[in-house]
Amino acid sequence: MPYDAALDKQLFTKSWEGEGTKLSVSVYSYNNGQKKLQISRENFGAEGEPRFSKLGRLTKDEAAAIIPFIQEALPLMQ
């Protein structure tokens, strides 16, 4: 079965912006299935345009910024 964007429901999302980057914590459910946590990163180019990039490693400041978002999202995953 191919991916169908209409079946992918975003249940929660919060973002944090730091120097040249944006981290987003989201909870999704595909086709009313298991709820899953997604953490994504966007880096901003020289002209300020956002570009998706691998999450990779987090700095201490980045981790501290998104931990409250993860804690807020966890009860929604029940």
Protein backbone atom coordinates (compact mmCIF):
# COMPACT_ATOMS: atom_id res chain seq x y z
CA MET A 1 0.00 0.00 0.00
CA PRO A 2 1.57 3.32 -1.04
CA TYR A 3 1.82 6.25 1.35
CA ASP A 4 -1.31 8.43 1.44
CA ALA A 5 -0.80 11.89 2.96
CA ALA A 6 -4.54 12.14 3.71
CA LEU A 7 -4.18 9.28 6.22
CA ASP A 8 -1.25 10.90 8.08
CA LYS A 9 -2.64 12.92 11.01
CA GLN A 10 -0.52 15.40 12.95
CA LEU A 11 -1.73 15.30 16.57
CA PHE A 12 0.85 17.64 18.16
CA THR A 13 3.67 19.91 17.12
CA LYS A 14 5.89 22.47 18.83
CA SER A 15 9.02 24.14 17.50
CA TRP A 16 12.11 25.85 18.88
CA GLU A 17 14.31 28.21 16.88
CA GLY A 18 17.97 28.68 17.62
CA GLU A 19 20.86 30.24 15.77
CA GLY A 20 20.31 29.24 12.15
CA THR A 21 18.17 26.19 12.96
CA LYS A 22 14.64 25.14 13.89
CA LEU A 23 13.79 21.93 15.75
CA SER A 24 10.25 20.54 15.69
CA VAL A 25 8.75 17.85 17.93
CA SER A 26 5.57 16.28 16.53
CA VAL A 27 3.28 13.32 17.13
CA TYR A 28 1.75 11.60 14.10
CA SER A 29 -0.65 8.74 13.55
CA TYR A 30 -0.93 7.06 10.16
CA ASN A 31 -4.31 5.52 9.31
CA ASN A 32 -5.36 5.73 13.00
CA GLY A 33 -2.44 3.47 13.87
CA GLN A 34 0.21 3.72 16.57
CA LYS A 35 1.13 7.27 17.54
CA LYS A 36 4.76 8.10 16.84
CA LEU A 37 7.09 10.90 17.86
CA GLN A 38 9.02 12.75 15.16
CA ILE A 39 11.88 15.18 15.77
CA SER A 40 13.00 17.15 12.74
CA ARG A 41 15.51 19.89 11.95
CA GLU A 42 15.42 22.72 9.45
CA ASN A 43 18.50 24.85 8.82
CA PHE A 44 18.18 28.36 7.43
CA GLY A 45 20.17 29.34 4.36
CA ALA A 46 21.99 32.63 3.79
CA GLU A 47 18.77 34.29 2.61
CA GLY A 48 16.72 32.88 5.49
CA GLU A 49 15.00 30.14 3.51
CA PRO A 50 14.41 26.95 5.54
CA ARG A 51 15.96 23.67 4.35
CA PHE A 52 15.19 20.27 5.80
CA SER A 53 18.27 18.47 7.12
CA LYS A 54 19.11 15.37 9.11
CA LEU A 55 18.49 15.76 12.82
CA GLY A 56 21.97 14.47 13.62
CA ARG A 57 23.43 15.35 16.99
CA LEU A 58 21.94 17.89 19.37
CA THR A 59 23.82 20.48 21.37
CA LYS A 60 23.10 20.75 25.08
CA ASP A 61 21.02 23.91 24.46
CA GLU A 62 19.01 22.21 21.71
CA ALA A 63 18.32 19.15 23.85
CA ALA A 64 17.30 21.29 26.83
CA ALA A 65 14.94 23.29 24.60
CA ILE A 66 13.04 20.31 23.18
CA ILE A 67 12.89 18.06 26.28
CA PRO A 68 9.80 19.95 27.59
CA PHE A 69 8.13 19.45 24.17
CA ILE A 70 8.86 15.70 24.28
CA GLN A 71 7.46 15.49 27.83
CA GLU A 72 4.32 17.33 26.68
CA ALA A 73 3.93 14.98 23.70
CA LEU A 74 4.38 11.69 25.58
CA PRO A 75 0.91 11.64 27.26
CA LEU A 76 -0.68 12.18 23.82
CA MET A 77 0.89 8.94 22.65
CA GLN A 78 -1.25 6.76 24.98
